[in-house]
Amino acid sequence: MKVGMIGLGRMGEGMSRRMLKEGIEVYGYRRNYAKAQEAAKSGYITAAADSLESLVQVVRKQASVFTKDENLNAPGIFQLVIPAELVEETINELLPLCVEGDIIIDHGNSNFKDSRRRAERLSKLGIAYIDCGTSGGVYGLERGYCLMVGGANTAVSTCAPIFRALAPGIGSAPRTDPTTRATSAEYGWLHCGPPGAGHFVKMVHNGVEYGIMQAYAEGFNILHEANAGSAYIKAGDAEVAPMENPEDYQYDIDCAEVAELWRRGSVVGSWLLDLTADVLRGDRELSKFDGGVSDSGEGRWTVHAAVDLGVPAPVISTALFERFGSRRLGAYANKILNGMRAMFGGHDVR
């Protein structure tokens, strides 16, 4: 099997290397051709293309050998491993080069509504679009990638060898019921439904991730501040509620060690906690971070979907709004509060 990969960042390279191990030839393209050549020299891809046109040509040529098609019009499979904001532009550049039967797989975090629209648009041209929500990040090379797939049955079946190569495999987690036949989900990939379903499931996956990460962050923050009573001084400050029992909060807790502890036998253990422990071990005060947390869109879309469906999602919603607050997007509102308090009660500005 031969594929063309567009986007050779750390994630794209990792995906390519896993496919190469399973005998899939990967022809890669990125706008920085020198970087693509480096990837080829390192053995991370089969060969590098200097343009989309040359990528399509080499994939078709290789596919034609496979299919005995001498007209170089053999359908190809093209994987997009690029930011969501570049997907539409890239498809528009790729489309004039496509032929009927081509398959485009979007591994990015596109909005599921965009994926549905793209699939409908391309299907009219005889081109299949598969939305493949891909989780694993830079660790996917070793751990494998969790794949949430949406698309037409025929196209997904054609690409099943790709998904099997990328997924973690049956041994990555204990089987829930070892007496039954293993499903693709137990190997680490799932055909979630028609176009858009893969990115819908990935969207919710990332919303859940927001909530879990926020819970860890808040818990460790409480532990970090658990010694505040030791430095507490009663100042008779009417602007700040006093700490009622400072003696209750005089624990100098080592958050890095707690993270290590919770990784072992605790019900809150997880890979995210493993990563947290790594970060804390290297920098207990997290001095290289400024506390501003970005959101790439999936959290917002999950909240939108919850509203549309009438489904309560307070944890995910709060986690999203906390990210907004971390970037001081609420600073003006807080100034309004300062102003009102100063006007009605003569309160000091803090």
Protein backbone atom coordinates (compact mmCIF):
# COMPACT_ATOMS: atom_id res chain seq x y z
CA MET A 1 0.00 0.00 0.00
CA LYS A 2 1.19 3.53 -0.85
CA VAL A 3 0.02 6.84 0.59
CA GLY A 4 0.82 10.50 0.26
CA MET A 5 1.21 12.41 3.53
CA ILE A 6 0.76 16.17 3.63
CA GLY A 7 2.25 17.58 6.81
CA LEU A 8 5.43 16.18 8.31
CA GLY A 9 5.63 17.77 11.73
CA ARG A 10 6.42 15.68 14.79
CA MET A 11 3.03 13.98 14.68
CA GLY A 12 3.11 13.39 10.94
CA GLU A 13 6.60 11.92 11.11
CA GLY A 14 5.57 9.64 13.94
CA MET A 15 2.57 8.39 12.00
CA SER A 16 4.69 7.82 8.91
CA ARG A 17 7.25 5.79 10.85
CA ARG A 18 4.55 3.52 12.27
CA MET A 19 3.14 2.91 8.79
CA LEU A 20 6.57 2.21 7.34
CA LYS A 21 7.08 -0.49 9.97
CA GLU A 22 3.94 -2.19 8.68
CA GLY A 23 5.10 -2.11 5.07
CA ILE A 24 3.12 0.94 3.92
CA GLU A 25 5.11 3.26 1.66
CA VAL A 26 4.75 6.90 2.67
CA TYR A 27 5.55 9.71 0.25
CA GLY A 28 5.67 13.00 2.14
CA TYR A 29 5.20 16.68 1.43
CA ARG A 30 5.64 19.76 3.57
CA ARG A 31 6.12 23.33 2.49
CA ASN A 32 9.63 23.33 3.90
CA TYR A 33 11.13 20.94 1.36
CA ALA A 34 14.48 20.84 3.14
CA LYS A 35 12.75 19.46 6.24
CA ALA A 36 10.95 16.89 4.11
CA GLN A 37 14.27 15.82 2.61
CA GLU A 38 15.70 15.45 6.11
CA ALA A 39 12.79 13.19 7.02
CA ALA A 40 13.47 11.04 3.94
CA LYS A 41 17.21 10.83 4.73
CA SER A 42 16.36 9.80 8.29
CA GLY A 43 14.12 7.03 6.99
CA TYR A 44 10.95 8.58 8.39
CA ILE A 45 9.26 8.62 4.96
CA THR A 46 9.86 6.68 1.76
CA ALA A 47 10.61 9.80 -0.28
CA ALA A 48 9.99 13.56 -0.21
CA ALA A 49 8.04 15.58 -2.77
CA ASP A 50 8.79 19.24 -3.47
CA SER A 51 5.19 20.14 -4.34
CA LEU A 52 1.66 18.81 -4.11
CA GLU A 53 1.80 18.10 -7.84
CA SER A 54 4.89 15.94 -7.53
CA LEU A 55 3.43 14.18 -4.48
CA VAL A 56 0.29 13.27 -6.39
CA GLN A 57 2.34 12.13 -9.37
CA VAL A 58 4.60 9.86 -7.36
CA VAL A 59 1.68 8.36 -5.41
CA ARG A 60 -0.20 7.67 -8.64
CA LYS A 61 2.90 6.21 -10.25
CA GLN A 62 3.45 3.91 -7.32
CA ALA A 63 -0.25 3.06 -7.19
CA SER A 64 -0.26 2.32 -10.91
CA VAL A 65 2.48 -0.25 -10.43
CA PHE A 66 0.35 -1.84 -7.75
CA THR A 67 -2.79 -1.83 -9.91
CA LYS A 68 -1.13 -2.35 -13.32
CA ASP A 69 -2.68 0.95 -14.48
CA GLU A 70 -0.33 2.40 -17.11
CA ASN A 71 -2.28 5.69 -17.44
CA LEU A 72 -1.08 6.97 -14.09
CA ASN A 73 -4.68 7.65 -13.07
CA ALA A 74 -4.82 5.08 -10.31
CA PRO A 75 -6.68 6.43 -7.27
CA GLY A 76 -4.48 7.48 -4.39
CA ILE A 77 -4.81 7.92 -0.64
CA PHE A 78 -3.73 11.27 0.79
CA GLN A 79 -3.42 11.93 4.51
CA LEU A 80 -3.62 15.46 5.90
CA VAL A 81 -1.71 15.93 9.16
CA ILE A 82 -1.99 19.70 9.35
CA PRO A 83 -3.71 22.32 11.55
CA ALA A 84 -7.48 22.51 11.09
CA GLU A 85 -7.25 26.06 9.78
CA LEU A 86 -5.19 24.86 6.79
CA VAL A 87 -7.39 21.92 5.78
CA GLU A 88 -9.80 23.81 3.52
CA GLU A 89 -6.99 25.61 1.72
CA THR A 90 -5.04 22.39 1.24
CA ILE A 91 -8.05 20.49 -0.09
CA ASN A 92 -8.68 23.30 -2.57
CA GLU A 93 -5.07 23.03 -3.77
CA LEU A 94 -5.25 19.24 -3.93
CA LEU A 95 -8.64 18.97 -5.59
CA PRO A 96 -7.61 19.90 -9.17
CA LEU A 97 -5.04 17.10 -8.98
CA CYS A 98 -7.51 14.48 -7.77
CA VAL A 99 -9.26 11.79 -9.79
CA GLU A 100 -12.36 9.77 -9.11
CA GLY A 101 -11.69 7.14 -6.47
CA ASP A 102 -9.16 9.18 -4.50
CA ILE A 103 -9.41 9.17 -0.73
CA ILE A 104 -8.49 12.10 1.50
CA ILE A 105 -8.02 11.44 5.22
CA ASP A 106 -8.12 14.43 7.57
CA HIS A 107 -6.22 13.60 10.77
CA GLY A 108 -6.55 17.11 12.21
CA ASN A 109 -9.01 18.55 14.70
CA SER A 110 -11.51 19.89 12.19
CA ASN A 111 -15.01 20.87 13.25
CA PHE A 112 -17.28 17.90 12.54
CA LYS A 113 -19.69 20.21 10.69
CA ASP A 114 -16.89 21.19 8.30
CA SER A 115 -16.07 17.51 7.83
CA ARG A 116 -19.66 16.69 6.88
CA ARG A 117 -19.69 19.56 4.39
CA ARG A 118 -16.36 18.54 2.86
CA ALA A 119 -17.40 14.92 2.52
CA GLU A 120 -20.59 15.93 0.74
CA ARG A 121 -18.70 18.27 -1.58
CA LEU A 122 -16.06 15.69 -2.49
CA SER A 123 -18.48 12.79 -2.87
CA LYS A 124 -20.11 14.60 -5.79
CA LEU A 125 -16.72 14.38 -7.53
CA GLY A 126 -16.27 10.70 -6.71
CA ILE A 127 -13.67 11.47 -4.03
CA ALA A 128 -14.01 10.05 -0.53
CA TYR A 129 -13.30 12.16 2.53
CA ILE A 130 -12.55 10.44 5.83
CA ASP A 131 -12.47 12.43 9.05
CA CYS A 132 -10.08 10.70 11.41
CA GLY A 133 -9.82 12.23 14.86
CA THR A 134 -6.32 11.27 15.98
CA SER A 135 -5.18 11.28 19.60
CA GLY A 136 -1.68 10.47 20.73
CA GLY A 137 0.35 13.54 19.91
CA VAL A 138 4.11 13.28 19.90
CA TYR A 139 3.96 10.09 21.98
CA GLY A 140 1.97 8.25 19.32
CA LEU A 141 5.09 6.88 17.62
CA GLU A 142 5.74 4.62 20.59
CA ARG A 143 2.28 4.28 22.11
CA GLY A 144 0.22 4.24 18.94
CA TYR A 145 -2.64 6.56 18.01
CA CYS A 146 -6.26 6.36 19.10
CA LEU A 147 -8.28 6.83 15.90
CA MET A 148 -11.90 7.99 15.72
CA VAL A 149 -12.99 7.51 12.12
CA GLY A 150 -15.93 8.88 10.17
CA GLY A 151 -16.71 8.18 6.53
CA ALA A 152 -18.33 5.92 3.96
CA ASN A 153 -17.98 2.19 4.58
CA THR A 154 -16.07 1.39 1.38
CA ALA A 155 -13.46 4.11 1.86
CA VAL A 156 -12.94 3.22 5.52
CA SER A 157 -12.52 -0.46 4.65
CA THR A 158 -9.95 0.45 1.99
CA CYS A 159 -7.96 2.42 4.57
CA ALA A 160 -8.24 -0.16 7.35
CA PRO A 161 -4.58 -1.26 6.93
CA ILE A 162 -3.54 2.36 7.61
CA PHE A 163 -5.65 2.54 10.75
CA ARG A 164 -4.35 -0.80 12.00
CA ALA A 165 -0.77 0.35 11.47
CA LEU A 166 -1.32 3.58 13.39
CA ALA A 167 -3.41 2.20 16.26
CA PRO A 168 -1.84 0.92 19.52
CA GLY A 169 -2.98 -2.68 19.04
CA ILE A 170 -4.82 -5.25 21.11
CA GLY A 171 -2.20 -5.43 23.87
CA SER A 172 -2.31 -1.75 24.80
CA ALA A 173 -5.01 -2.25 27.46
CA PRO A 174 -6.54 -5.25 29.26
CA ARG A 175 -9.59 -6.59 27.46
CA THR A 176 -12.90 -5.75 29.12
CA ASP A 177 -14.35 -9.12 28.11
CA PRO A 178 -11.72 -11.58 26.87
CA THR A 179 -14.37 -14.17 26.05
CA THR A 180 -15.72 -12.18 23.09
CA ARG A 181 -14.26 -11.52 19.68
CA ALA A 182 -12.11 -8.39 19.71
CA THR A 183 -13.51 -5.37 17.87
CA SER A 184 -11.47 -2.75 16.06
CA ALA A 185 -11.95 -0.46 19.07
CA GLU A 186 -9.92 -2.88 21.17
CA TYR A 187 -7.09 -2.47 18.67
CA GLY A 188 -7.34 1.31 19.02
CA TRP A 189 -9.44 2.46 16.09
CA LEU A 190 -13.18 2.70 15.48
CA HIS A 191 -15.40 3.49 12.52
CA CYS A 192 -17.73 5.77 14.48
CA GLY A 193 -20.23 6.38 11.68
CA PRO A 194 -20.80 8.41 8.51
CA PRO A 195 -18.83 11.54 7.59
CA GLY A 196 -18.38 13.86 10.56
CA ALA A 197 -18.80 11.14 13.18
CA GLY A 198 -15.07 10.70 13.70
CA HIS A 199 -14.42 14.36 14.36
CA PHE A 200 -17.56 14.56 16.51
CA VAL A 201 -16.25 11.81 18.80
CA LYS A 202 -12.78 13.42 18.82
CA MET A 203 -14.36 16.77 19.71
CA VAL A 204 -16.06 15.28 22.76
CA HIS A 205 -12.86 13.38 23.60
CA ASN A 206 -11.02 16.69 23.78
CA GLY A 207 -13.82 18.26 25.83
CA VAL A 208 -13.44 15.43 28.34
CA GLU A 209 -9.69 16.07 28.28
CA TYR A 210 -10.33 19.72 29.20
CA GLY A 211 -12.36 18.64 32.24
CA ILE A 212 -9.84 16.06 33.45
CA MET A 213 -6.91 18.43 33.06
CA GLN A 214 -8.77 21.19 34.90
CA ALA A 215 -9.55 18.86 37.82
CA TYR A 216 -5.87 17.90 38.13
CA ALA A 217 -4.81 21.54 37.92
CA GLU A 218 -7.23 22.67 40.61
CA GLY A 219 -6.32 19.80 42.92
CA PHE A 220 -2.61 20.47 42.69
CA ASN A 221 -3.22 24.17 43.18
CA ILE A 222 -5.00 23.44 46.48
CA LEU A 223 -2.07 21.26 47.56
CA HIS A 224 0.39 23.96 46.50
CA GLU A 225 -1.38 26.55 48.69
CA ALA A 226 -1.89 24.21 51.68
CA ASN A 227 0.78 26.02 53.72
CA ALA A 228 -0.83 29.45 53.45
CA GLY A 229 -1.73 29.39 57.14
CA SER A 230 1.94 29.50 58.14
CA ALA A 231 2.39 32.96 56.66
CA TYR A 232 -1.05 34.28 57.51
CA ILE A 233 -1.19 37.52 59.46
CA LYS A 234 -4.45 38.96 60.75
CA ALA A 235 -4.46 42.41 59.24
CA GLY A 236 -8.02 43.45 59.97
CA ASP A 237 -8.51 43.99 56.26
CA ALA A 238 -12.18 44.57 55.47
CA GLU A 239 -11.55 43.99 51.79
CA VAL A 240 -10.52 40.34 52.14
CA ALA A 241 -12.36 37.61 54.04
CA PRO A 242 -10.11 36.40 56.87
CA MET A 243 -8.77 32.86 57.07
CA GLU A 244 -10.78 31.48 59.98
CA ASN A 245 -8.37 28.78 61.13
CA PRO A 246 -4.84 29.37 59.80
CA GLU A 247 -3.55 26.48 61.87
CA ASP A 248 -5.55 24.11 59.67
CA TYR A 249 -3.46 25.03 56.62
CA GLN A 250 0.17 24.60 57.55
CA TYR A 251 1.17 21.68 55.33
CA ASP A 252 4.24 22.04 53.16
CA ILE A 253 3.23 19.45 50.59
CA ASP A 254 5.55 18.38 47.80
CA CYS A 255 3.30 18.32 44.73
CA ALA A 256 5.87 16.44 42.67
CA GLU A 257 5.94 13.62 45.20
CA VAL A 258 2.14 13.54 45.44
CA ALA A 259 1.98 13.20 41.66
CA GLU A 260 4.34 10.24 41.87
CA LEU A 261 2.27 8.76 44.67
CA TRP A 262 -1.03 9.07 42.84
CA ARG A 263 0.44 7.30 39.83
CA ARG A 264 0.67 4.11 41.89
CA GLY A 265 -2.53 2.31 42.80
CA SER A 266 -4.72 5.42 42.89
CA VAL A 267 -8.09 5.63 41.12
CA VAL A 268 -7.02 9.00 39.68
CA GLY A 269 -3.95 7.56 37.98
CA SER A 270 -3.75 8.24 34.23
CA TRP A 271 -1.38 9.08 31.40
CA LEU A 272 -2.15 12.77 31.97
CA LEU A 273 -1.01 12.36 35.56
CA ASP A 274 2.15 10.65 34.29
CA LEU A 275 2.88 13.73 32.18
CA THR A 276 2.12 16.02 35.13
CA ALA A 277 4.60 14.11 37.27
CA ASP A 278 7.26 14.51 34.57
CA VAL A 279 6.71 18.27 34.45
CA LEU A 280 6.74 18.70 38.24
CA ARG A 281 9.83 16.53 38.64
CA GLY A 282 11.78 18.86 36.36
CA ASP A 283 10.42 22.17 37.70
CA ARG A 284 8.43 22.06 40.93
CA GLU A 285 7.36 25.72 40.67
CA LEU A 286 6.61 25.48 36.93
CA SER A 287 8.68 28.62 36.40
CA LYS A 288 8.87 28.34 32.62
CA PHE A 289 5.08 28.57 32.22
CA ASP A 290 3.12 31.83 32.38
CA GLY A 291 -0.25 30.26 33.20
CA GLY A 292 -2.02 31.32 30.02
CA VAL A 293 -3.77 28.25 28.59
CA SER A 294 -4.89 28.10 24.97
CA ASP A 295 -7.94 26.36 23.56
CA SER A 296 -7.84 25.02 20.02
CA GLY A 297 -11.59 24.89 19.40
CA GLU A 298 -12.78 21.44 20.40
CA GLY A 299 -13.81 22.54 23.90
CA ARG A 300 -15.92 25.35 22.47
CA TRP A 301 -17.54 23.04 19.92
CA THR A 302 -18.31 20.48 22.62
CA VAL A 303 -20.08 23.13 24.67
CA HIS A 304 -21.96 24.30 21.58
CA ALA A 305 -23.08 20.72 20.92
CA ALA A 306 -24.20 20.32 24.53
CA VAL A 307 -26.33 23.45 24.21
CA ASP A 308 -27.79 22.30 20.88
CA LEU A 309 -28.61 18.89 22.36
CA GLY A 310 -29.86 20.24 25.68
CA VAL A 311 -27.29 18.12 27.52
CA PRO A 312 -25.76 19.44 30.78
CA ALA A 313 -21.96 19.75 30.59
CA PRO A 314 -20.98 21.98 33.54
CA VAL A 315 -17.50 20.52 34.03
CA ILE A 316 -16.42 20.89 30.41
CA SER A 317 -18.00 24.35 30.20
CA THR A 318 -16.24 25.54 33.35
CA ALA A 319 -12.91 24.11 32.18
CA LEU A 320 -13.29 26.04 28.92
CA PHE A 321 -14.13 29.31 30.69
CA GLU A 322 -11.17 28.82 33.03
CA ARG A 323 -8.92 28.77 29.98
CA PHE A 324 -10.42 32.05 28.83
CA GLY A 325 -9.76 33.51 32.29
CA SER A 326 -6.16 32.26 32.27
CA ARG A 327 -5.52 34.47 29.26
CA ARG A 328 -6.98 37.50 31.11
CA LEU A 329 -9.94 37.65 28.76
CA GLY A 330 -12.00 38.52 31.83
CA ALA A 331 -9.76 41.40 32.86
CA TYR A 332 -12.17 44.08 31.64
CA ALA A 333 -15.06 42.47 33.51
CA ASN A 334 -12.96 42.45 36.67
CA LYS A 335 -12.23 46.14 36.20
CA ILE A 336 -15.98 46.75 35.94
CA LEU A 337 -16.35 44.93 39.26
CA ASN A 338 -13.57 47.11 40.72
CA GLY A 339 -15.37 50.19 39.52
CA MET A 340 -18.77 49.23 40.92
CA ARG A 341 -17.34 48.28 44.32
CA ALA A 342 -15.34 51.51 44.47
CA MET A 343 -18.44 53.56 43.64
CA PHE A 344 -21.03 51.94 45.90
CA GLY A 345 -18.85 51.18 48.91
CA GLY A 346 -15.61 53.06 48.55
CA HIS A 347 -13.77 49.76 48.39
CA ASP A 348 -10.07 49.65 47.60
CA VAL A 349 -8.92 48.42 44.23
CA ARG A 350 -6.99 45.14 44.43
